[in-house]
C-alpha cells in the first residue's frame, strides 16, 4: 500500500513537469548527501571502528584499497538512468558541454558516495568473525 501511494505521488510530481520533478530530486539528493556524510563522520566514533575490518574476506592477500578500486571501476556501469540525461537536457535547453559535465560529475559523485558508504560499513562491520572464512 505504501509503495502504491508513493508511486502515485511521484506520478503526480512527474505530470506537473520537469521543474517540479527536478526541484524534488535536488532536495532528495541534498538529503542523501547529508545522511551519508553524517553516517561517515559518525562512524569514526563507533564502538567497532577499526581499519583492520577493511581487509577483504575473499582475498586476504590484497589490501582494502584494491577492493574499493575494483568496485568503483565496475559500479558506474550498474547505474540506470544516466542515459536519460541527454534526453532531459532538451527540456532544459542545456549546451552539449553542460550535458557532458553533468554526466561526468554525476558518475564521480555516485562513485564517491559508494566509496564512502563502503568505508563506513566496512570499518564498523565485525560480521567477518562469524563467517569462519566461508563467504557462501
Protein backbone atom coordinates (compact mmCIF):
# COMPACT_ATOMS: atom_id res chain seq x y z
CA UNK A 1 0.00 0.00 0.00
CA UNK A 2 2.82 2.39 0.88
CA UNK A 3 4.63 1.67 -2.40
CA UNK A 4 1.45 2.29 -4.38
CA UNK A 5 0.83 5.60 -2.63
CA UNK A 6 4.43 6.67 -3.23
CA UNK A 7 4.21 5.69 -6.89
CA UNK A 8 1.06 7.77 -7.26
CA UNK A 9 2.71 10.75 -5.54
CA UNK A 10 5.74 10.55 -7.82
CA UNK A 11 3.47 10.11 -10.84
CA UNK A 12 1.70 13.36 -9.94
CA UNK A 13 5.05 15.11 -9.46
CA UNK A 14 6.21 13.91 -12.86
CA UNK A 15 2.98 15.04 -14.50
CA UNK A 16 3.46 18.52 -13.01
CA UNK A 17 6.58 18.97 -15.11
CA UNK A 18 10.33 18.84 -15.17
CA UNK A 19 10.85 21.87 -12.94
CA UNK A 20 8.86 20.40 -10.04
CA UNK A 21 10.43 16.98 -10.54
CA UNK A 22 13.91 18.49 -10.78
CA UNK A 23 13.43 20.52 -7.60
CA UNK A 24 12.21 17.47 -5.71
CA UNK A 25 15.13 15.39 -6.96
CA UNK A 26 17.53 18.12 -5.89
CA UNK A 27 16.17 18.10 -2.33
CA UNK A 28 16.30 14.29 -2.20
CA UNK A 29 19.94 14.40 -3.35
CA UNK A 30 20.83 17.01 -0.74
CA UNK A 31 19.15 14.89 1.95
CA UNK A 32 21.06 11.80 0.78
CA UNK A 33 24.39 13.64 0.82
CA UNK A 34 23.71 14.95 4.33
CA UNK A 35 22.78 11.49 5.64
CA UNK A 36 25.80 9.79 4.01
CA UNK A 37 28.19 12.43 5.38
CA UNK A 38 26.66 12.25 8.86
CA UNK A 39 27.00 8.48 8.86
CA UNK A 40 30.57 8.68 7.53
CA UNK A 41 31.79 11.15 10.14
CA UNK A 42 29.72 9.49 12.86
CA UNK A 43 31.32 6.14 12.07
CA UNK A 44 34.64 7.39 13.45
CA UNK A 45 33.03 7.44 16.88
CA UNK A 46 31.51 3.94 16.64
CA UNK A 47 32.50 1.27 19.14
CA UNK A 48 33.59 -1.15 16.41
CA UNK A 49 35.64 1.34 14.37
CA UNK A 50 38.81 -0.38 13.15
CA UNK A 51 40.67 -0.06 9.86
CA UNK A 52 41.54 -3.75 10.16
CA UNK A 53 37.90 -4.52 9.35
CA UNK A 54 38.52 -3.29 5.80
CA UNK A 55 40.54 -6.35 4.88
CA UNK A 56 38.71 -8.18 2.08
CA UNK A 57 37.20 -11.53 3.00
CA UNK A 58 37.76 -13.24 -0.34
CA UNK A 59 41.39 -12.26 -0.99
CA UNK A 60 43.27 -11.57 2.24
CA UNK A 61 46.47 -11.06 0.24
CA UNK A 62 45.02 -7.94 -1.41
CA UNK A 63 44.51 -4.73 0.51
CA UNK A 64 41.31 -2.80 1.11
CA UNK A 65 42.22 -0.09 -1.42
CA UNK A 66 42.38 -2.60 -4.27
CA UNK A 67 38.93 -3.90 -3.34
CA UNK A 68 37.46 -0.39 -3.37
CA UNK A 69 39.07 0.48 -6.71
CA UNK A 70 37.64 -2.70 -8.27
CA UNK A 71 34.14 -1.84 -7.06
CA UNK A 72 34.43 1.78 -8.21
CA UNK A 73 35.55 0.66 -11.66
CA UNK A 74 32.51 -1.63 -12.05
CA UNK A 75 29.82 0.33 -10.16
CA UNK A 76 29.15 3.09 -12.74
CA UNK A 77 28.10 0.50 -15.31
CA UNK A 78 25.43 -0.77 -12.94
CA UNK A 79 23.59 2.55 -12.76
CA UNK A 80 20.31 3.00 -14.52
CA UNK A 81 19.13 6.38 -15.71
CA UNK A 82 22.27 8.10 -16.93
CA UNK A 83 21.04 7.63 -20.48
CA UNK A 84 18.15 9.95 -19.62
CA UNK A 85 20.40 12.96 -19.02
CA UNK A 86 20.81 13.84 -22.73
CA UNK A 87 17.08 13.32 -23.29
CA UNK A 88 16.04 15.59 -20.44
CA UNK A 89 18.67 18.13 -21.43
CA UNK A 90 16.42 19.00 -24.38
CA UNK A 91 13.75 20.25 -21.99
CA UNK A 92 16.20 22.45 -20.12
CA UNK A 93 18.00 23.74 -23.23
CA UNK A 94 21.43 22.72 -21.94
CA UNK A 95 24.52 23.17 -24.03
CA UNK A 96 26.13 19.85 -25.01
CA UNK A 97 29.16 20.82 -22.93
CA UNK A 98 26.99 21.18 -19.82
CA UNK A 99 25.32 17.82 -20.50
CA UNK A 100 28.71 16.12 -20.68
CA UNK A 101 29.78 17.78 -17.42
CA UNK A 102 26.55 16.64 -15.74
CA UNK A 103 27.18 13.04 -16.75
CA UNK A 104 30.82 13.08 -15.62
CA UNK A 105 30.10 14.85 -12.32
CA UNK A 106 27.18 12.56 -11.55
CA UNK A 107 29.36 9.47 -12.15
CA UNK A 108 32.09 10.90 -9.92
CA UNK A 109 29.60 11.81 -7.19
CA UNK A 110 27.99 8.36 -7.34
CA UNK A 111 31.40 6.67 -7.15
CA UNK A 112 32.42 8.82 -4.19
CA UNK A 113 29.13 8.03 -2.46
CA UNK A 114 29.74 4.31 -3.00
CA UNK A 115 33.28 4.54 -1.63
CA UNK A 116 32.19 6.47 1.46
CA UNK A 117 29.38 4.01 2.20
CA UNK A 118 31.68 1.02 1.67
CA UNK A 119 34.26 2.54 4.02
CA UNK A 120 31.95 3.24 6.93
CA UNK A 121 30.16 -0.06 6.50
CA UNK A 122 33.47 -1.91 6.30
CA UNK A 123 35.27 -0.44 9.25
CA UNK A 124 32.28 -0.80 11.54
CA UNK A 125 31.45 -4.36 10.48
CA UNK A 126 32.64 -7.26 12.60
CA UNK A 127 30.48 -9.90 10.90
CA UNK A 128 33.55 -11.46 9.25
CA UNK A 129 34.28 -13.24 12.53
CA UNK A 130 31.10 -15.29 12.22
CA UNK A 131 31.85 -16.38 8.64
CA UNK A 132 34.78 -18.67 9.55
CA UNK A 133 36.35 -18.00 6.17
CA UNK A 134 33.24 -19.08 4.24
CA UNK A 135 31.67 -16.43 2.02
CA UNK A 136 28.70 -18.57 0.92
